[in-house]
Amino acid sequence: ATDKYLTALRDYGLAPVVLPVWEEADVSLITAWLERLDGLMLTG
């Protein structure tokens, strides 16, 4: 993920964490992320 997205989130008091992408990623992986997250950003 490009630094400018992560820096912007950090500067507004948020803690960014980069989510890996695999074409075969299953629902259980996505569910595990969302149970721990407080928000989601989709970048350019």
PDB file of all heavy atoms in Angstrom:
ATOM      1  N   ALA A   1       0.859  -1.180   0.000  1.00  0.00           N
ATOM      2  CA  ALA A   1       0.000   0.000   0.000  1.00  0.00           C
ATOM      3  C   ALA A   1       0.894   1.228   0.000  1.00  0.00           C
ATOM      4  O   ALA A   1       1.921   1.256   0.684  1.00  0.00           O
ATOM      5  CB  ALA A   1      -0.909   0.011   1.223  1.00  0.00           C
ATOM      6  N   THR A   2       0.521   2.242  -0.747  1.00  0.00           N
ATOM      7  CA  THR A   2       1.319   3.448  -0.851  1.00  0.00           C
ATOM      8  C   THR A   2       1.294   4.234   0.464  1.00  0.00           C
ATOM      9  O   THR A   2       0.254   4.341   1.123  1.00  0.00           O
ATOM     10  CB  THR A   2       0.782   4.336  -1.986  1.00  0.00           C
ATOM     11  OG1 THR A   2       0.660   3.548  -3.170  1.00  0.00           O
ATOM     12  CG2 THR A   2       1.729   5.481  -2.274  1.00  0.00           C
ATOM     13  N   ASP A   3       2.432   4.789   0.820  1.00  0.00           N
ATOM     14  CA  ASP A   3       2.601   5.450   2.115  1.00  0.00           C
ATOM     15  C   ASP A   3       1.601   6.569   2.349  1.00  0.00           C
ATOM     16  O   ASP A   3       1.152   6.776   3.483  1.00  0.00           O
ATOM     17  CB  ASP A   3       4.032   5.994   2.216  1.00  0.00           C
ATOM     18  CG  ASP A   3       4.288   6.699   3.536  1.00  0.00           C
ATOM     19  OD1 ASP A   3       4.477   6.004   4.544  1.00  0.00           O
ATOM     20  OD2 ASP A   3       4.275   7.948   3.550  1.00  0.00           O
ATOM     21  N   LYS A   4       1.218   7.315   1.314  1.00  0.00           N
ATOM     22  CA  LYS A   4       0.370   8.487   1.528  1.00  0.00           C
ATOM     23  C   LYS A   4      -0.981   8.139   2.148  1.00  0.00           C
ATOM     24  O   LYS A   4      -1.530   8.923   2.927  1.00  0.00           O
ATOM     25  CB  LYS A   4       0.177   9.285   0.235  1.00  0.00           C
ATOM     26  CG  LYS A   4      -0.388   8.516  -0.940  1.00  0.00           C
ATOM     27  CD  LYS A   4      -0.224   9.316  -2.233  1.00  0.00           C
ATOM     28  CE  LYS A   4      -0.581   8.494  -3.451  1.00  0.00           C
ATOM     29  NZ  LYS A   4      -2.020   8.392  -3.677  1.00  0.00           N
ATOM     30  N   TYR A   5      -1.510   6.959   1.851  1.00  0.00           N
ATOM     31  CA  TYR A   5      -2.776   6.538   2.466  1.00  0.00           C
ATOM     32  C   TYR A   5      -2.572   6.223   3.947  1.00  0.00           C
ATOM     33  O   TYR A   5      -3.372   6.619   4.799  1.00  0.00           O
ATOM     34  CB  TYR A   5      -3.324   5.300   1.750  1.00  0.00           C
ATOM     35  CG  TYR A   5      -3.621   5.516   0.288  1.00  0.00           C
ATOM     36  CD1 TYR A   5      -2.754   5.046  -0.696  1.00  0.00           C
ATOM     37  CD2 TYR A   5      -4.765   6.196  -0.119  1.00  0.00           C
ATOM     38  CE1 TYR A   5      -3.013   5.248  -2.034  1.00  0.00           C
ATOM     39  CE2 TYR A   5      -5.042   6.399  -1.459  1.00  0.00           C
ATOM     40  CZ  TYR A   5      -4.157   5.925  -2.419  1.00  0.00           C
ATOM     41  OH  TYR A   5      -4.420   6.133  -3.747  1.00  0.00           O
ATOM     42  N   LEU A   6      -1.507   5.496   4.240  1.00  0.00           N
ATOM     43  CA  LEU A   6      -1.232   5.105   5.616  1.00  0.00           C
ATOM     44  C   LEU A   6      -0.918   6.321   6.478  1.00  0.00           C
ATOM     45  O   LEU A   6      -1.376   6.422   7.624  1.00  0.00           O
ATOM     46  CB  LEU A   6      -0.067   4.116   5.646  1.00  0.00           C
ATOM     47  CG  LEU A   6      -0.194   2.890   4.728  1.00  0.00           C
ATOM     48  CD1 LEU A   6       1.050   2.013   4.836  1.00  0.00           C
ATOM     49  CD2 LEU A   6      -1.443   2.097   5.047  1.00  0.00           C
ATOM     50  N   THR A   7      -0.144   7.248   5.927  1.00  0.00           N
ATOM     51  CA  THR A   7       0.217   8.457   6.660  1.00  0.00           C
ATOM     52  C   THR A   7      -1.009   9.309   6.962  1.00  0.00           C
ATOM     53  O   THR A   7      -1.157   9.850   8.064  1.00  0.00           O
ATOM     54  CB  THR A   7       1.243   9.277   5.866  1.00  0.00           C
ATOM     55  OG1 THR A   7       2.423   8.493   5.679  1.00  0.00           O
ATOM     56  CG2 THR A   7       1.605  10.561   6.591  1.00  0.00           C
ATOM     57  N   ALA A   8      -1.897   9.437   5.981  1.00  0.00           N
ATOM     58  CA  ALA A   8      -3.110  10.228   6.200  1.00  0.00           C
ATOM     59  C   ALA A   8      -3.940   9.648   7.341  1.00  0.00           C
ATOM     60  O   ALA A   8      -4.408  10.383   8.216  1.00  0.00           O
ATOM     61  CB  ALA A   8      -3.933  10.288   4.916  1.00  0.00           C
ATOM     62  N   LEU A   9      -4.115   8.338   7.365  1.00  0.00           N
ATOM     63  CA  LEU A   9      -4.875   7.705   8.440  1.00  0.00           C
ATOM     64  C   LEU A   9      -4.203   7.925   9.790  1.00  0.00           C
ATOM     65  O   LEU A   9      -4.852   8.262  10.781  1.00  0.00           O
ATOM     66  CB  LEU A   9      -5.035   6.211   8.162  1.00  0.00           C
ATOM     67  CG  LEU A   9      -5.900   5.845   6.950  1.00  0.00           C
ATOM     68  CD1 LEU A   9      -5.838   4.347   6.689  1.00  0.00           C
ATOM     69  CD2 LEU A   9      -7.341   6.287   7.150  1.00  0.00           C
ATOM     70  N   ARG A  10      -2.895   7.741   9.827  1.00  0.00           N
ATOM     71  CA  ARG A  10      -2.142   7.949  11.064  1.00  0.00           C
ATOM     72  C   ARG A  10      -2.305   9.372  11.581  1.00  0.00           C
ATOM     73  O   ARG A  10      -2.498   9.604  12.782  1.00  0.00           O
ATOM     74  CB  ARG A  10      -0.661   7.652  10.826  1.00  0.00           C
ATOM     75  CG  ARG A  10       0.227   7.832  12.050  1.00  0.00           C
ATOM     76  CD  ARG A  10       1.674   8.018  11.648  1.00  0.00           C
ATOM     77  NE  ARG A  10       1.879   9.253  10.892  1.00  0.00           N
ATOM     78  CZ  ARG A  10       3.021   9.574  10.289  1.00  0.00           C
ATOM     79  NH1 ARG A  10       4.052   8.757  10.325  1.00  0.00           N
ATOM     80  NH2 ARG A  10       3.130  10.726   9.630  1.00  0.00           N
ATOM     81  N   ASP A  11      -2.249  10.337  10.656  1.00  0.00           N
ATOM     82  CA  ASP A  11      -2.307  11.736  11.060  1.00  0.00           C
ATOM     83  C   ASP A  11      -3.682  12.151  11.575  1.00  0.00           C
ATOM     84  O   ASP A  11      -3.823  13.223  12.189  1.00  0.00           O
ATOM     85  CB  ASP A  11      -1.900  12.640   9.890  1.00  0.00           C
ATOM     86  CG  ASP A  11      -0.411  12.550   9.583  1.00  0.00           C
ATOM     87  OD1 ASP A  11       0.322  11.944  10.390  1.00  0.00           O
ATOM     88  OD2 ASP A  11       0.011  13.072   8.531  1.00  0.00           O
ATOM     89  N   TYR A  12      -4.704  11.330  11.318  1.00  0.00           N
ATOM     90  CA  TYR A  12      -6.043  11.615  11.842  1.00  0.00           C
ATOM     91  C   TYR A  12      -6.387  10.702  13.020  1.00  0.00           C
ATOM     92  O   TYR A  12      -7.561  10.497  13.332  1.00  0.00           O
ATOM     93  CB  TYR A  12      -7.088  11.507  10.723  1.00  0.00           C
ATOM     94  CG  TYR A  12      -7.082  12.739   9.839  1.00  0.00           C
ATOM     95  CD1 TYR A  12      -6.179  12.852   8.775  1.00  0.00           C
ATOM     96  CD2 TYR A  12      -7.933  13.809  10.081  1.00  0.00           C
ATOM     97  CE1 TYR A  12      -6.138  13.983   7.979  1.00  0.00           C
ATOM     98  CE2 TYR A  12      -7.910  14.946   9.279  1.00  0.00           C
ATOM     99  CZ  TYR A  12      -7.006  15.025   8.235  1.00  0.00           C
ATOM    100  OH  TYR A  12      -6.974  16.161   7.452  1.00  0.00           O
ATOM    101  N   GLY A  13      -5.352  10.160  13.656  1.00  0.00           N
ATOM    102  CA  GLY A  13      -5.550   9.404  14.884  1.00  0.00           C
ATOM    103  C   GLY A  13      -5.947   7.958  14.694  1.00  0.00           C
ATOM    104  O   GLY A  13      -6.401   7.310  15.651  1.00  0.00           O
ATOM    105  N   LEU A  14      -5.770   7.425  13.495  1.00  0.00           N
ATOM    106  CA  LEU A  14      -6.149   6.046  13.199  1.00  0.00           C
ATOM    107  C   LEU A  14      -4.909   5.172  13.076  1.00  0.00           C
ATOM    108  O   LEU A  14      -3.808   5.660  12.825  1.00  0.00           O
ATOM    109  CB  LEU A  14      -6.971   5.989  11.907  1.00  0.00           C
ATOM    110  CG  LEU A  14      -8.224   6.879  11.901  1.00  0.00           C
ATOM    111  CD1 LEU A  14      -8.839   6.913  10.516  1.00  0.00           C
ATOM    112  CD2 LEU A  14      -9.240   6.398  12.927  1.00  0.00           C
ATOM    113  N   ALA A  15      -5.076   3.871  13.251  1.00  0.00           N
ATOM    114  CA  ALA A  15      -3.970   2.915  13.144  1.00  0.00           C
ATOM    115  C   ALA A  15      -4.193   2.044  11.910  1.00  0.00           C
ATOM    116  O   ALA A  15      -5.039   1.139  11.925  1.00  0.00           O
ATOM    117  CB  ALA A  15      -3.891   2.045  14.392  1.00  0.00           C
ATOM    118  N   PRO A  16      -3.472   2.320  10.810  1.00  0.00           N
ATOM    119  CA  PRO A  16      -3.678   1.536   9.594  1.00  0.00           C
ATOM    120  C   PRO A  16      -2.980   0.184   9.647  1.00  0.00           C
ATOM    121  O   PRO A  16      -1.890   0.056  10.199  1.00  0.00           O
ATOM    122  CB  PRO A  16      -3.051   2.423   8.510  1.00  0.00           C
ATOM    123  CG  PRO A  16      -1.985   3.199   9.224  1.00  0.00           C
ATOM    124  CD  PRO A  16      -2.504   3.420  10.621  1.00  0.00           C
ATOM    125  N   VAL A  17      -3.614  -0.819   9.069  1.00  0.00           N
ATOM    126  CA  VAL A  17      -3.014  -2.142   8.921  1.00  0.00           C
ATOM    127  C   VAL A  17      -3.301  -2.624   7.500  1.00  0.00           C
ATOM    128  O   VAL A  17      -4.440  -2.549   7.031  1.00  0.00           O
ATOM    129  CB  VAL A  17      -3.560  -3.129   9.973  1.00  0.00           C
ATOM    130  CG1 VAL A  17      -5.070  -3.250   9.903  1.00  0.00           C
ATOM    131  CG2 VAL A  17      -2.914  -4.492   9.817  1.00  0.00           C
ATOM    132  N   VAL A  18      -2.263  -3.062   6.806  1.00  0.00           N
ATOM    133  CA  VAL A  18      -2.399  -3.461   5.399  1.00  0.00           C
ATOM    134  C   VAL A  18      -2.952  -4.878   5.306  1.00  0.00           C
ATOM    135  O   VAL A  18      -2.443  -5.805   5.934  1.00  0.00           O
ATOM    136  CB  VAL A  18      -1.041  -3.362   4.675  1.00  0.00           C
ATOM    137  CG1 VAL A  18      -1.184  -3.804   3.218  1.00  0.00           C
ATOM    138  CG2 VAL A  18      -0.508  -1.928   4.744  1.00  0.00           C
ATOM    139  N   LEU A  19      -3.998  -5.042   4.499  1.00  0.00           N
ATOM    140  CA  LEU A  19      -4.646  -6.337   4.309  1.00  0.00           C
ATOM    141  C   LEU A  19      -4.140  -6.977   3.020  1.00  0.00           C
ATOM    142  O   LEU A  19      -4.267  -6.392   1.945  1.00  0.00           O
ATOM    143  CB  LEU A  19      -6.165  -6.164   4.224  1.00  0.00           C
ATOM    144  CG  LEU A  19      -6.838  -5.401   5.371  1.00  0.00           C
ATOM    145  CD1 LEU A  19      -8.338  -5.309   5.121  1.00  0.00           C
ATOM    146  CD2 LEU A  19      -6.549  -6.059   6.707  1.00  0.00           C
ATOM    147  N   PRO A  20      -3.578  -8.175   3.079  1.00  0.00           N
ATOM    148  CA  PRO A  20      -3.079  -8.835   1.877  1.00  0.00           C
ATOM    149  C   PRO A  20      -4.225  -9.249   0.955  1.00  0.00           C
ATOM    150  O   PRO A  20      -5.382  -9.348   1.377  1.00  0.00           O
ATOM    151  CB  PRO A  20      -2.341 -10.060   2.418  1.00  0.00           C
ATOM    152  CG  PRO A  20      -3.005 -10.342   3.719  1.00  0.00           C
ATOM    153  CD  PRO A  20      -3.386  -8.998   4.284  1.00  0.00           C
ATOM    154  N   VAL A  21      -3.896  -9.474  -0.304  1.00  0.00           N
ATOM    155  CA  VAL A  21      -4.918  -9.879  -1.282  1.00  0.00           C
ATOM    156  C   VAL A  21      -4.464 -11.149  -2.005  1.00  0.00           C
ATOM    157  O   VAL A  21      -3.360 -11.221  -2.539  1.00  0.00           O
ATOM    158  CB  VAL A  21      -5.198  -8.756  -2.309  1.00  0.00           C
ATOM    159  CG1 VAL A  21      -5.905  -7.588  -1.644  1.00  0.00           C
ATOM    160  CG2 VAL A  21      -3.937  -8.259  -2.988  1.00  0.00           C
ATOM    161  N   TRP A  22      -5.328 -12.139  -1.970  1.00  0.00           N
ATOM    162  CA  TRP A  22      -5.148 -13.361  -2.759  1.00  0.00           C
ATOM    163  C   TRP A  22      -6.457 -13.630  -3.483  1.00  0.00           C
ATOM    164  O   TRP A  22      -7.533 -13.556  -2.884  1.00  0.00           O
ATOM    165  CB  TRP A  22      -4.834 -14.557  -1.862  1.00  0.00           C
ATOM    166  CG  TRP A  22      -3.514 -14.508  -1.180  1.00  0.00           C
ATOM    167  CD1 TRP A  22      -2.294 -14.765  -1.736  1.00  0.00           C
ATOM    168  CD2 TRP A  22      -3.263 -14.211   0.202  1.00  0.00           C
ATOM    169  NE1 TRP A  22      -1.306 -14.637  -0.791  1.00  0.00           N
ATOM    170  CE2 TRP A  22      -1.861 -14.306   0.415  1.00  0.00           C
ATOM    171  CE3 TRP A  22      -4.084 -13.889   1.289  1.00  0.00           C
ATOM    172  CZ2 TRP A  22      -1.274 -14.081   1.651  1.00  0.00           C
ATOM    173  CZ3 TRP A  22      -3.503 -13.661   2.522  1.00  0.00           C
ATOM    174  CH2 TRP A  22      -2.109 -13.753   2.696  1.00  0.00           C
ATOM    175  N   GLU A  23      -6.362 -13.984  -4.762  1.00  0.00           N
ATOM    176  CA  GLU A  23      -7.574 -14.199  -5.552  1.00  0.00           C
ATOM    177  C   GLU A  23      -8.434 -15.311  -4.959  1.00  0.00           C
ATOM    178  O   GLU A  23      -9.655 -15.282  -5.059  1.00  0.00           O
ATOM    179  CB  GLU A  23      -7.201 -14.527  -7.001  1.00  0.00           C
ATOM    180  CG  GLU A  23      -8.366 -14.443  -7.955  1.00  0.00           C
ATOM    181  CD  GLU A  23      -7.941 -14.402  -9.409  1.00  0.00           C
ATOM    182  OE1 GLU A  23      -6.725 -14.473  -9.683  1.00  0.00           O
ATOM    183  OE2 GLU A  23      -8.825 -14.289 -10.276  1.00  0.00           O
ATOM    184  N   GLU A  24      -7.779 -16.293  -4.316  1.00  0.00           N
ATOM    185  CA  GLU A  24      -8.528 -17.417  -3.752  1.00  0.00           C
ATOM    186  C   GLU A  24      -8.880 -17.212  -2.282  1.00  0.00           C
ATOM    187  O   GLU A  24      -9.281 -18.150  -1.593  1.00  0.00           O
ATOM    188  CB  GLU A  24      -7.734 -18.721  -3.905  1.00  0.00           C
ATOM    189  CG  GLU A  24      -6.489 -18.839  -3.022  1.00  0.00           C
ATOM    190  CD  GLU A  24      -5.272 -18.126  -3.569  1.00  0.00           C
ATOM    191  OE1 GLU A  24      -5.400 -17.406  -4.587  1.00  0.00           O
ATOM    192  OE2 GLU A  24      -4.184 -18.286  -2.982  1.00  0.00           O
ATOM    193  N   ALA A  25      -8.724 -15.987  -1.768  1.00  0.00           N
ATOM    194  CA  ALA A  25      -9.028 -15.714  -0.355  1.00  0.00           C
ATOM    195  C   ALA A  25     -10.469 -16.129  -0.045  1.00  0.00           C
ATOM    196  O   ALA A  25     -11.393 -15.806  -0.789  1.00  0.00           O
ATOM    197  CB  ALA A  25      -8.827 -14.249  -0.048  1.00  0.00           C
ATOM    198  N   ASP A  26     -10.658 -16.866   1.067  1.00  0.00           N
ATOM    199  CA  ASP A  26     -12.003 -17.345   1.390  1.00  0.00           C
ATOM    200  C   ASP A  26     -12.697 -16.417   2.380  1.00  0.00           C
ATOM    201  O   ASP A  26     -12.110 -15.480   2.922  1.00  0.00           O
ATOM    202  CB  ASP A  26     -11.967 -18.785   1.915  1.00  0.00           C
ATOM    203  CG  ASP A  26     -11.123 -18.922   3.184  1.00  0.00           C
ATOM    204  OD1 ASP A  26     -10.956 -17.922   3.898  1.00  0.00           O
ATOM    205  OD2 ASP A  26     -10.644 -20.036   3.439  1.00  0.00           O
ATOM    206  N   VAL A  27     -13.970 -16.697   2.605  1.00  0.00           N
ATOM    207  CA  VAL A  27     -14.803 -15.849   3.441  1.00  0.00           C
ATOM    208  C   VAL A  27     -14.280 -15.803   4.876  1.00  0.00           C
ATOM    209  O   VAL A  27     -14.363 -14.766   5.541  1.00  0.00           O
ATOM    210  CB  VAL A  27     -16.266 -16.345   3.411  1.00  0.00           C
ATOM    211  CG1 VAL A  27     -17.125 -15.540   4.389  1.00  0.00           C
ATOM    212  CG2 VAL A  27     -16.831 -16.233   2.005  1.00  0.00           C
ATOM    213  N   SER A  28     -13.720 -16.898   5.355  1.00  0.00           N
ATOM    214  CA  SER A  28     -13.255 -16.940   6.743  1.00  0.00           C
ATOM    215  C   SER A  28     -12.131 -15.938   6.995  1.00  0.00           C
ATOM    216  O   SER A  28     -12.034 -15.361   8.079  1.00  0.00           O
ATOM    217  CB  SER A  28     -12.789 -18.355   7.102  1.00  0.00           C
ATOM    218  OG  SER A  28     -11.662 -18.729   6.328  1.00  0.00           O
ATOM    219  N   LEU A  29     -11.291 -15.692   5.986  1.00  0.00           N
ATOM    220  CA  LEU A  29     -10.214 -14.719   6.136  1.00  0.00           C
ATOM    221  C   LEU A  29     -10.787 -13.309   6.249  1.00  0.00           C
ATOM    222  O   LEU A  29     -10.391 -12.530   7.122  1.00  0.00           O
ATOM    223  CB  LEU A  29      -9.259 -14.808   4.946  1.00  0.00           C
ATOM    224  CG  LEU A  29      -8.065 -13.853   4.960  1.00  0.00           C
ATOM    225  CD1 LEU A  29      -7.163 -14.146   6.136  1.00  0.00           C
ATOM    226  CD2 LEU A  29      -7.284 -13.951   3.658  1.00  0.00           C
ATOM    227  N   ILE A  30     -11.721 -12.985   5.381  1.00  0.00           N
ATOM    228  CA  ILE A  30     -12.342 -11.660   5.409  1.00  0.00           C
ATOM    229  C   ILE A  30     -13.091 -11.452   6.721  1.00  0.00           C
ATOM    230  O   ILE A  30     -13.011 -10.393   7.351  1.00  0.00           O
ATOM    231  CB  ILE A  30     -13.280 -11.489   4.199  1.00  0.00           C
ATOM    232  CG1 ILE A  30     -12.441 -11.395   2.907  1.00  0.00           C
ATOM    233  CG2 ILE A  30     -14.166 -10.263   4.344  1.00  0.00           C
ATOM    234  CD1 ILE A  30     -13.248 -11.378   1.642  1.00  0.00           C
ATOM    235  N   THR A  31     -13.793 -12.474   7.178  1.00  0.00           N
ATOM    236  CA  THR A  31     -14.527 -12.376   8.437  1.00  0.00           C
ATOM    237  C   THR A  31     -13.577 -12.136   9.609  1.00  0.00           C
ATOM    238  O   THR A  31     -13.855 -11.329  10.501  1.00  0.00           O
ATOM    239  CB  THR A  31     -15.337 -13.657   8.679  1.00  0.00           C
ATOM    240  OG1 THR A  31     -16.255 -13.841   7.595  1.00  0.00           O
ATOM    241  CG2 THR A  31     -16.114 -13.568   9.988  1.00  0.00           C
ATOM    242  N   ALA A  32     -12.439 -12.813   9.589  1.00  0.00           N
ATOM    243  CA  ALA A  32     -11.456 -12.636  10.662  1.00  0.00           C
ATOM    244  C   ALA A  32     -10.958 -11.198  10.712  1.00  0.00           C
ATOM    245  O   ALA A  32     -10.763 -10.634  11.797  1.00  0.00           O
ATOM    246  CB  ALA A  32     -10.288 -13.599  10.461  1.00  0.00           C
ATOM    247  N   TRP A  33     -10.735 -10.589   9.543  1.00  0.00           N
ATOM    248  CA  TRP A  33     -10.313  -9.190   9.518  1.00  0.00           C
ATOM    249  C   TRP A  33     -11.378  -8.296  10.134  1.00  0.00           C
ATOM    250  O   TRP A  33     -11.091  -7.471  11.000  1.00  0.00           O
ATOM    251  CB  TRP A  33     -10.068  -8.741   8.077  1.00  0.00           C
ATOM    252  CG  TRP A  33      -8.863  -9.309   7.408  1.00  0.00           C
ATOM    253  CD1 TRP A  33      -7.747  -9.820   8.002  1.00  0.00           C
ATOM    254  CD2 TRP A  33      -8.652  -9.415   6.002  1.00  0.00           C
ATOM    255  NE1 TRP A  33      -6.858 -10.249   7.052  1.00  0.00           N
ATOM    256  CE2 TRP A  33      -7.377 -10.006   5.805  1.00  0.00           C
ATOM    257  CE3 TRP A  33      -9.398  -9.078   4.880  1.00  0.00           C
ATOM    258  CZ2 TRP A  33      -6.847 -10.260   4.552  1.00  0.00           C
ATOM    259  CZ3 TRP A  33      -8.873  -9.321   3.626  1.00  0.00           C
ATOM    260  CH2 TRP A  33      -7.610  -9.909   3.463  1.00  0.00           C
ATOM    261  N   LEU A  34     -12.598  -8.444   9.659  1.00  0.00           N
ATOM    262  CA  LEU A  34     -13.649  -7.501  10.027  1.00  0.00           C
ATOM    263  C   LEU A  34     -14.026  -7.588  11.495  1.00  0.00           C
ATOM    264  O   LEU A  34     -14.509  -6.612  12.068  1.00  0.00           O
ATOM    265  CB  LEU A  34     -14.882  -7.730   9.138  1.00  0.00           C
ATOM    266  CG  LEU A  34     -14.649  -7.533   7.634  1.00  0.00           C
ATOM    267  CD1 LEU A  34     -15.960  -7.626   6.875  1.00  0.00           C
ATOM    268  CD2 LEU A  34     -13.963  -6.203   7.348  1.00  0.00           C
ATOM    269  N   GLU A  35     -13.810  -8.734  12.113  1.00  0.00           N
ATOM    270  CA  GLU A  35     -14.097  -8.855  13.537  1.00  0.00           C
ATOM    271  C   GLU A  35     -13.147  -8.008  14.379  1.00  0.00           C
ATOM    272  O   GLU A  35     -13.439  -7.706  15.533  1.00  0.00           O
ATOM    273  CB  GLU A  35     -13.998 -10.326  13.964  1.00  0.00           C
ATOM    274  CG  GLU A  35     -15.167 -11.168  13.477  1.00  0.00           C
ATOM    275  CD  GLU A  35     -15.013 -12.629  13.849  1.00  0.00           C
ATOM    276  OE1 GLU A  35     -13.907 -13.022  14.298  1.00  0.00           O
ATOM    277  OE2 GLU A  35     -15.987 -13.379  13.681  1.00  0.00           O
ATOM    278  N   ARG A  36     -12.007  -7.628  13.798  1.00  0.00           N
ATOM    279  CA  ARG A  36     -10.986  -6.888  14.544  1.00  0.00           C
ATOM    280  C   ARG A  36     -10.845  -5.432  14.108  1.00  0.00           C
ATOM    281  O   ARG A  36     -10.124  -4.658  14.731  1.00  0.00           O
ATOM    282  CB  ARG A  36      -9.636  -7.597  14.394  1.00  0.00           C
ATOM    283  CG  ARG A  36      -9.610  -8.973  15.037  1.00  0.00           C
ATOM    284  CD  ARG A  36      -8.427  -9.795  14.533  1.00  0.00           C
ATOM    285  NE  ARG A  36      -8.286 -11.053  15.257  1.00  0.00           N
ATOM    286  CZ  ARG A  36      -8.993 -12.143  15.005  1.00  0.00           C
ATOM    287  NH1 ARG A  36      -9.918 -12.122  14.047  1.00  0.00           N
ATOM    288  NH2 ARG A  36      -8.805 -13.251  15.688  1.00  0.00           N
ATOM    289  N   LEU A  37     -11.489  -5.052  13.008  1.00  0.00           N
ATOM    290  CA  LEU A  37     -11.303  -3.714  12.452  1.00  0.00           C
ATOM    291  C   LEU A  37     -12.381  -2.741  12.908  1.00  0.00           C
ATOM    292  O   LEU A  37     -13.503  -3.125  13.217  1.00  0.00           O
ATOM    293  CB  LEU A  37     -11.303  -3.776  10.920  1.00  0.00           C
ATOM    294  CG  LEU A  37     -10.168  -4.559  10.257  1.00  0.00           C
ATOM    295  CD1 LEU A  37     -10.349  -4.573   8.743  1.00  0.00           C
ATOM    296  CD2 LEU A  37      -8.807  -3.984  10.631  1.00  0.00           C
ATOM    297  N   ASP A  38     -11.997  -1.459  12.893  1.00  0.00           N
ATOM    298  CA  ASP A  38     -12.929  -0.375  13.200  1.00  0.00           C
ATOM    299  C   ASP A  38     -13.276   0.446  11.963  1.00  0.00           C
ATOM    300  O   ASP A  38     -14.043   1.409  12.053  1.00  0.00           O
ATOM    301  CB  ASP A  38     -12.316   0.546  14.259  1.00  0.00           C
ATOM    302  CG  ASP A  38     -11.984  -0.207  15.532  1.00  0.00           C
ATOM    303  OD1 ASP A  38     -12.874  -0.884  16.075  1.00  0.00           O
ATOM    304  OD2 ASP A  38     -10.808  -0.148  15.973  1.00  0.00           O
ATOM    305  N   GLY A  39     -12.712   0.078  10.822  1.00  0.00           N
ATOM    306  CA  GLY A  39     -12.988   0.774   9.576  1.00  0.00           C
ATOM    307  C   GLY A  39     -12.208   0.143   8.448  1.00  0.00           C
ATOM    308  O   GLY A  39     -11.297  -0.665   8.670  1.00  0.00           O
ATOM    309  N   LEU A  40     -12.549   0.509   7.219  1.00  0.00           N
ATOM    310  CA  LEU A  40     -11.869  -0.025   6.030  1.00  0.00           C
ATOM    311  C   LEU A  40     -11.639   1.087   5.022  1.00  0.00           C
ATOM    312  O   LEU A  40     -12.523   1.910   4.779  1.00  0.00           O
ATOM    313  CB  LEU A  40     -12.701  -1.127   5.377  1.00  0.00           C
ATOM    314  CG  LEU A  40     -12.131  -1.690   4.067  1.00  0.00           C
ATOM    315  CD1 LEU A  40     -10.906  -2.566   4.330  1.00  0.00           C
ATOM    316  CD2 LEU A  40     -13.182  -2.478   3.291  1.00  0.00           C
ATOM    317  N   MET A  41     -10.428   1.095   4.432  1.00  0.00           N
ATOM    318  CA  MET A  41     -10.132   1.992   3.323  1.00  0.00           C
ATOM    319  C   MET A  41      -9.752   1.178   2.089  1.00  0.00           C
ATOM    320  O   MET A  41      -8.902   0.282   2.154  1.00  0.00           O
ATOM    321  CB  MET A  41      -8.984   2.956   3.653  1.00  0.00           C
ATOM    322  CG  MET A  41      -8.535   3.777   2.444  1.00  0.00           C
ATOM    323  SD  MET A  41      -7.040   4.753   2.742  1.00  0.00           S
ATOM    324  CE  MET A  41      -7.763   6.149   3.579  1.00  0.00           C
ATOM    325  N   LEU A  42     -10.372   1.500   0.966  1.00  0.00           N
ATOM    326  CA  LEU A  42      -9.970   0.971  -0.327  1.00  0.00           C
ATOM    327  C   LEU A  42      -9.230   2.084  -1.060  1.00  0.00           C
ATOM    328  O   LEU A  42      -9.793   3.146  -1.314  1.00  0.00           O
ATOM    329  CB  LEU A  42     -11.177   0.509  -1.146  1.00  0.00           C
ATOM    330  CG  LEU A  42     -12.013  -0.624  -0.562  1.00  0.00           C
ATOM    331  CD1 LEU A  42     -13.131  -0.996  -1.523  1.00  0.00           C
ATOM    332  CD2 LEU A  42     -11.159  -1.837  -0.245  1.00  0.00           C
ATOM    333  N   THR A  43      -7.977   1.861  -1.378  1.00  0.00           N
ATOM    334  CA  THR A  43      -7.108   2.901  -1.939  1.00  0.00           C
ATOM    335  C   THR A  43      -7.209   2.994  -3.454  1.00  0.00           C
ATOM    336  O   THR A  43      -7.807   2.149  -4.119  1.00  0.00           O
ATOM    337  CB  THR A  43      -5.650   2.596  -1.583  1.00  0.00           C
ATOM    338  OG1 THR A  43      -5.248   1.421  -2.317  1.00  0.00           O
ATOM    339  CG2 THR A  43      -5.464   2.348  -0.102  1.00  0.00           C
ATOM    340  N   GLY A  44      -6.529   3.999  -3.986  1.00  0.00           N
ATOM    341  CA  GLY A  44      -6.301   4.075  -5.413  1.00  0.00           C
ATOM    342  C   GLY A  44      -5.174   3.137  -5.821  1.00  0.00           C
ATOM    343  O   GLY A  44      -4.505   2.541  -4.970  1.00  0.00           O
TER     344      GLY A  44
END
